[in-house]
Amino acid sequence: MPLYEYQCMRCSTEFEVKRSLDDESAITCPKCQGKGQRMFSPVPIIFKGPGFYTTDNRKDGSTP
């Protein structure tokens, strides 16, 4: 089951909840029982090593 991040709209507490993709029930804050709003954050993508793009700096004549 995925882990989602939520923020309480009343007290601004951030918390995590494990729930299935089909679950649409309301999320309540564990601190004040306020309504939780799902937070979205970008997923980091890290490319390591040479040769991911044709514009990379490669030595001429070398094999990837």
PDB file of N, CA and C in Angstrom:
ATOM      1  N   MET A   1       0.838  -1.178   0.000  1.00  0.00           N
ATOM      2  CA  MET A   1       0.000   0.000   0.000  1.00  0.00           C
ATOM      3  C   MET A   1       0.886   1.244   0.000  1.00  0.00           C
ATOM      4  N   PRO A   2       0.519   2.218  -0.805  1.00  0.00           N
ATOM      5  CA  PRO A   2       1.308   3.459  -0.876  1.00  0.00           C
ATOM      6  C   PRO A   2       1.194   4.286   0.396  1.00  0.00           C
ATOM      7  N   LEU A   3       2.223   5.072   0.641  1.00  0.00           N
ATOM      8  CA  LEU A   3       2.281   5.975   1.780  1.00  0.00           C
ATOM      9  C   LEU A   3       2.074   7.390   1.262  1.00  0.00           C
ATOM     10  N   TYR A   4       1.070   8.086   1.778  1.00  0.00           N
ATOM     11  CA  TYR A   4       0.737   9.432   1.325  1.00  0.00           C
ATOM     12  C   TYR A   4       0.998  10.448   2.431  1.00  0.00           C
ATOM     13  N   GLU A   5       1.392  11.654   2.040  1.00  0.00           N
ATOM     14  CA  GLU A   5       1.615  12.742   2.984  1.00  0.00           C
ATOM     15  C   GLU A   5       0.387  13.649   2.998  1.00  0.00           C
ATOM     16  N   TYR A   6      -0.025  14.030   4.212  1.00  0.00           N
ATOM     17  CA  TYR A   6      -1.176  14.909   4.384  1.00  0.00           C
ATOM     18  C   TYR A   6      -0.793  16.058   5.304  1.00  0.00           C
ATOM     19  N   GLN A   7      -1.544  17.157   5.189  1.00  0.00           N
ATOM     20  CA  GLN A   7      -1.380  18.295   6.081  1.00  0.00           C
ATOM     21  C   GLN A   7      -2.755  18.685   6.592  1.00  0.00           C
ATOM     22  N   CYS A   8      -2.838  18.903   7.896  1.00  0.00           N
ATOM     23  CA  CYS A   8      -4.105  19.287   8.512  1.00  0.00           C
ATOM     24  C   CYS A   8      -4.434  20.723   8.119  1.00  0.00           C
ATOM     25  N   MET A   9      -5.672  20.956   7.739  1.00  0.00           N
ATOM     26  CA  MET A   9      -6.093  22.288   7.334  1.00  0.00           C
ATOM     27  C   MET A   9      -6.370  23.179   8.546  1.00  0.00           C
ATOM     28  N   ARG A  10      -6.503  22.587   9.723  1.00  0.00           N
ATOM     29  CA  ARG A  10      -6.781  23.362  10.925  1.00  0.00           C
ATOM     30  C   ARG A  10      -5.498  23.740  11.676  1.00  0.00           C
ATOM     31  N   CYS A  11      -4.625  22.752  11.953  1.00  0.00           N
ATOM     32  CA  CYS A  11      -3.445  23.023  12.786  1.00  0.00           C
ATOM     33  C   CYS A  11      -2.124  22.925  12.016  1.00  0.00           C
ATOM     34  N   SER A  12      -2.172  22.645  10.718  1.00  0.00           N
ATOM     35  CA  SER A  12      -1.006  22.561   9.824  1.00  0.00           C
ATOM     36  C   SER A  12      -0.029  21.444  10.185  1.00  0.00           C
ATOM     37  N   THR A  13      -0.472  20.447  10.929  1.00  0.00           N
ATOM     38  CA  THR A  13       0.368  19.295  11.238  1.00  0.00           C
ATOM     39  C   THR A  13       0.521  18.437   9.993  1.00  0.00           C
ATOM     40  N   GLU A  14       1.741  17.993   9.716  1.00  0.00           N
ATOM     41  CA  GLU A  14       1.990  17.098   8.584  1.00  0.00           C
ATOM     42  C   GLU A  14       2.077  15.668   9.103  1.00  0.00           C
ATOM     43  N   PHE A  15       1.413  14.736   8.409  1.00  0.00           N
ATOM     44  CA  PHE A  15       1.414  13.340   8.824  1.00  0.00           C
ATOM     45  C   PHE A  15       1.322  12.452   7.597  1.00  0.00           C
ATOM     46  N   GLU A  16       1.673  11.173   7.773  1.00  0.00           N
ATOM     47  CA  GLU A  16       1.660  10.204   6.684  1.00  0.00           C
ATOM     48  C   GLU A  16       0.607   9.142   6.965  1.00  0.00           C
ATOM     49  N   VAL A  17      -0.020   8.653   5.877  1.00  0.00           N
ATOM     50  CA  VAL A  17      -1.062   7.644   5.997  1.00  0.00           C
ATOM     51  C   VAL A  17      -0.847   6.595   4.903  1.00  0.00           C
ATOM     52  N   LYS A  18      -0.896   5.311   5.285  1.00  0.00           N
ATOM     53  CA  LYS A  18      -0.882   4.226   4.311  1.00  0.00           C
ATOM     54  C   LYS A  18      -2.319   3.929   3.934  1.00  0.00           C
ATOM     55  N   ARG A  19      -2.595   3.956   2.643  1.00  0.00           N
ATOM     56  CA  ARG A  19      -3.952   3.633   2.197  1.00  0.00           C
ATOM     57  C   ARG A  19      -3.922   3.114   0.778  1.00  0.00           C
ATOM     58  N   SER A  20      -4.924   2.352   0.423  1.00  0.00           N
ATOM     59  CA  SER A  20      -4.986   1.771  -0.910  1.00  0.00           C
ATOM     60  C   SER A  20      -5.391   2.829  -1.932  1.00  0.00           C
ATOM     61  N   LEU A  21      -5.184   2.524  -3.184  1.00  0.00           N
ATOM     62  CA  LEU A  21      -5.518   3.470  -4.247  1.00  0.00           C
ATOM     63  C   LEU A  21      -7.024   3.675  -4.378  1.00  0.00           C
ATOM     64  N   ASP A  22      -7.810   2.676  -3.992  1.00  0.00           N
ATOM     65  CA  ASP A  22      -9.266   2.753  -4.130  1.00  0.00           C
ATOM     66  C   ASP A  22      -9.948   3.418  -2.936  1.00  0.00           C
ATOM     67  N   ASP A  23      -9.233   3.620  -1.843  1.00  0.00           N
ATOM     68  CA  ASP A  23      -9.820   4.185  -0.630  1.00  0.00           C
ATOM     69  C   ASP A  23     -10.068   5.681  -0.812  1.00  0.00           C
ATOM     70  N   GLU A  24     -11.334   6.089  -0.672  1.00  0.00           N
ATOM     71  CA  GLU A  24     -11.700   7.498  -0.835  1.00  0.00           C
ATOM     72  C   GLU A  24     -12.277   8.087   0.450  1.00  0.00           C
ATOM     73  N   SER A  25     -12.038   7.448   1.579  1.00  0.00           N
ATOM     74  CA  SER A  25     -12.573   7.955   2.837  1.00  0.00           C
ATOM     75  C   SER A  25     -11.835   9.226   3.262  1.00  0.00           C
ATOM     76  N   ALA A  26     -12.476  10.031   4.070  1.00  0.00           N
ATOM     77  CA  ALA A  26     -11.899  11.287   4.545  1.00  0.00           C
ATOM     78  C   ALA A  26     -10.757  10.998   5.521  1.00  0.00           C
ATOM     79  N   ILE A  27      -9.732  11.808   5.472  1.00  0.00           N
ATOM     80  CA  ILE A  27      -8.579  11.670   6.359  1.00  0.00           C
ATOM     81  C   ILE A  27      -8.671  12.726   7.449  1.00  0.00           C
ATOM     82  N   THR A  28      -8.509  12.311   8.687  1.00  0.00           N
ATOM     83  CA  THR A  28      -8.547  13.251   9.798  1.00  0.00           C
ATOM     84  C   THR A  28      -7.174  13.323  10.460  1.00  0.00           C
ATOM     85  N   CYS A  29      -6.872  14.477  10.990  1.00  0.00           N
ATOM     86  CA  CYS A  29      -5.603  14.738  11.660  1.00  0.00           C
ATOM     87  C   CYS A  29      -5.535  13.939  12.963  1.00  0.00           C
ATOM     88  N   PRO A  30      -4.405  13.261  13.225  1.00  0.00           N
ATOM     89  CA  PRO A  30      -4.297  12.504  14.478  1.00  0.00           C
ATOM     90  C   PRO A  30      -4.150  13.402  15.710  1.00  0.00           C
ATOM     91  N   LYS A  31      -3.823  14.674  15.499  1.00  0.00           N
ATOM     92  CA  LYS A  31      -3.606  15.597  16.616  1.00  0.00           C
ATOM     93  C   LYS A  31      -4.885  16.323  17.033  1.00  0.00           C
ATOM     94  N   CYS A  32      -5.604  16.905  16.042  1.00  0.00           N
ATOM     95  CA  CYS A  32      -6.772  17.732  16.390  1.00  0.00           C
ATOM     96  C   CYS A  32      -8.069  17.254  15.734  1.00  0.00           C
ATOM     97  N   GLN A  33      -8.019  16.162  14.978  1.00  0.00           N
ATOM     98  CA  GLN A  33      -9.179  15.600  14.276  1.00  0.00           C
ATOM     99  C   GLN A  33      -9.715  16.513  13.180  1.00  0.00           C
ATOM    100  N   GLY A  34      -8.881  17.441  12.686  1.00  0.00           N
ATOM    101  CA  GLY A  34      -9.273  18.303  11.572  1.00  0.00           C
ATOM    102  C   GLY A  34      -9.154  17.562  10.247  1.00  0.00           C
ATOM    103  N   LYS A  35      -9.612  18.207   9.192  1.00  0.00           N
ATOM    104  CA  LYS A  35      -9.586  17.600   7.865  1.00  0.00           C
ATOM    105  C   LYS A  35      -8.165  17.625   7.297  1.00  0.00           C
ATOM    106  N   GLY A  36      -7.722  16.498   6.744  1.00  0.00           N
ATOM    107  CA  GLY A  36      -6.397  16.403   6.145  1.00  0.00           C
ATOM    108  C   GLY A  36      -6.455  16.613   4.646  1.00  0.00           C
ATOM    109  N   GLN A  37      -5.497  17.358   4.130  1.00  0.00           N
ATOM    110  CA  GLN A  37      -5.405  17.607   2.699  1.00  0.00           C
ATOM    111  C   GLN A  37      -4.122  16.962   2.187  1.00  0.00           C
ATOM    112  N   ARG A  38      -4.222  16.223   1.095  1.00  0.00           N
ATOM    113  CA  ARG A  38      -3.068  15.514   0.555  1.00  0.00           C
ATOM    114  C   ARG A  38      -2.047  16.496  -0.010  1.00  0.00           C
ATOM    115  N   MET A  39      -0.775  16.245   0.302  1.00  0.00           N
ATOM    116  CA  MET A  39       0.314  17.088  -0.184  1.00  0.00           C
ATOM    117  C   MET A  39       0.979  16.382  -1.368  1.00  0.00           C
ATOM    118  N   PHE A  40       1.328  17.143  -2.375  1.00  0.00           N
ATOM    119  CA  PHE A  40       2.008  16.603  -3.533  1.00  0.00           C
ATOM    120  C   PHE A  40       3.414  17.174  -3.586  1.00  0.00           C
ATOM    121  N   SER A  41       4.375  16.330  -3.876  1.00  0.00           N
ATOM    122  CA  SER A  41       5.755  16.781  -3.982  1.00  0.00           C
ATOM    123  C   SER A  41       6.385  16.124  -5.209  1.00  0.00           C
ATOM    124  N   PRO A  42       7.327  16.814  -5.845  1.00  0.00           N
ATOM    125  CA  PRO A  42       7.958  16.249  -7.035  1.00  0.00           C
ATOM    126  C   PRO A  42       8.829  15.044  -6.686  1.00  0.00           C
ATOM    127  N   VAL A  43       8.895  14.126  -7.602  1.00  0.00           N
ATOM    128  CA  VAL A  43       9.722  12.942  -7.433  1.00  0.00           C
ATOM    129  C   VAL A  43      11.113  13.246  -7.974  1.00  0.00           C
ATOM    130  N   PRO A  44      12.151  13.049  -7.165  1.00  0.00           N
ATOM    131  CA  PRO A  44      13.494  13.347  -7.658  1.00  0.00           C
ATOM    132  C   PRO A  44      13.968  12.283  -8.644  1.00  0.00           C
ATOM    133  N   ILE A  45      14.539  12.742  -9.739  1.00  0.00           N
ATOM    134  CA  ILE A  45      15.124  11.846 -10.735  1.00  0.00           C
ATOM    135  C   ILE A  45      16.596  12.192 -10.828  1.00  0.00           C
ATOM    136  N   ILE A  46      17.433  11.194 -10.616  1.00  0.00           N
ATOM    137  CA  ILE A  46      18.874  11.420 -10.641  1.00  0.00           C
ATOM    138  C   ILE A  46      19.480  10.559 -11.739  1.00  0.00           C
ATOM    139  N   PHE A  47      20.107  11.204 -12.698  1.00  0.00           N
ATOM    140  CA  PHE A  47      20.804  10.503 -13.762  1.00  0.00           C
ATOM    141  C   PHE A  47      22.284  10.482 -13.415  1.00  0.00           C
ATOM    142  N   LYS A  48      22.863   9.302 -13.285  1.00  0.00           N
ATOM    143  CA  LYS A  48      24.276   9.187 -12.967  1.00  0.00           C
ATOM    144  C   LYS A  48      24.996   8.547 -14.145  1.00  0.00           C
ATOM    145  N   GLY A  49      26.148   9.064 -14.453  1.00  0.00           N
ATOM    146  CA  GLY A  49      26.969   8.490 -15.503  1.00  0.00           C
ATOM    147  C   GLY A  49      26.767   9.177 -16.836  1.00  0.00           C
ATOM    148  N   PRO A  50      27.674   8.918 -17.767  1.00  0.00           N
ATOM    149  CA  PRO A  50      27.602   9.542 -19.088  1.00  0.00           C
ATOM    150  C   PRO A  50      26.635   8.812 -20.023  1.00  0.00           C
ATOM    151  N   GLY A  51      26.184   9.526 -21.033  1.00  0.00           N
ATOM    152  CA  GLY A  51      25.439   8.896 -22.109  1.00  0.00           C
ATOM    153  C   GLY A  51      23.941   8.889 -21.984  1.00  0.00           C
ATOM    154  N   PHE A  52      23.351   9.718 -21.144  1.00  0.00           N
ATOM    155  CA  PHE A  52      21.904   9.725 -21.051  1.00  0.00           C
ATOM    156  C   PHE A  52      21.268  10.591 -22.140  1.00  0.00           C
ATOM    157  N   TYR A  53      21.992  11.584 -22.614  1.00  0.00           N
ATOM    158  CA  TYR A  53      21.491  12.468 -23.655  1.00  0.00           C
ATOM    159  C   TYR A  53      22.513  12.553 -24.777  1.00  0.00           C
ATOM    160  N   THR A  54      22.047  12.858 -25.978  1.00  0.00           N
ATOM    161  CA  THR A  54      22.977  13.009 -27.086  1.00  0.00           C
ATOM    162  C   THR A  54      23.809  14.268 -26.959  1.00  0.00           C
ATOM    163  N   THR A  55      23.398  15.183 -26.106  1.00  0.00           N
ATOM    164  CA  THR A  55      24.141  16.428 -25.918  1.00  0.00           C
ATOM    165  C   THR A  55      25.183  16.324 -24.802  1.00  0.00           C
ATOM    166  N   ASP A  56      25.327  15.125 -24.195  1.00  0.00           N
ATOM    167  CA  ASP A  56      26.344  14.946 -23.156  1.00  0.00           C
ATOM    168  C   ASP A  56      27.733  15.167 -23.734  1.00  0.00           C
ATOM    169  N   ASN A  57      28.631  15.572 -22.882  1.00  0.00           N
ATOM    170  CA  ASN A  57      30.021  15.745 -23.292  1.00  0.00           C
ATOM    171  C   ASN A  57      30.709  14.391 -23.296  1.00  0.00           C
ATOM    172  N   ARG A  58      30.940  13.866 -24.497  1.00  0.00           N
ATOM    173  CA  ARG A  58      31.618  12.588 -24.629  1.00  0.00           C
ATOM    174  C   ARG A  58      32.851  12.784 -25.487  1.00  0.00           C
ATOM    175  N   LYS A  59      33.815  11.927 -25.266  1.00  0.00           N
ATOM    176  CA  LYS A  59      34.992  11.959 -26.105  1.00  0.00           C
ATOM    177  C   LYS A  59      34.642  11.373 -27.458  1.00  0.00           C
ATOM    178  N   ASP A  60      35.156  11.999 -28.525  1.00  0.00           N
ATOM    179  CA  ASP A  60      34.869  11.487 -29.865  1.00  0.00           C
ATOM    180  C   ASP A  60      35.517  10.120 -30.058  1.00  0.00           C
ATOM    181  N   GLY A  61      34.778   9.224 -30.680  1.00  0.00           N
ATOM    182  CA  GLY A  61      35.309   7.910 -30.993  1.00  0.00           C
ATOM    183  C   GLY A  61      35.200   6.901 -29.875  1.00  0.00           C
ATOM    184  N   SER A  62      34.654   7.270 -28.744  1.00  0.00           N
ATOM    185  CA  SER A  62      34.529   6.309 -27.635  1.00  0.00           C
ATOM    186  C   SER A  62      33.199   5.576 -27.747  1.00  0.00           C
ATOM    187  N   THR A  63      33.184   4.355 -27.270  1.00  0.00           N
ATOM    188  CA  THR A  63      31.952   3.580 -27.296  1.00  0.00           C
ATOM    189  C   THR A  63      31.241   3.744 -25.968  1.00  0.00           C
ATOM    190  N   PRO A  64      29.912   3.780 -25.981  1.00  0.00           N
ATOM    191  CA  PRO A  64      29.163   3.969 -24.734  1.00  0.00           C
ATOM    192  C   PRO A  64      29.246   2.761 -23.822  1.00  0.00           C
TER     193      PRO A  64
END
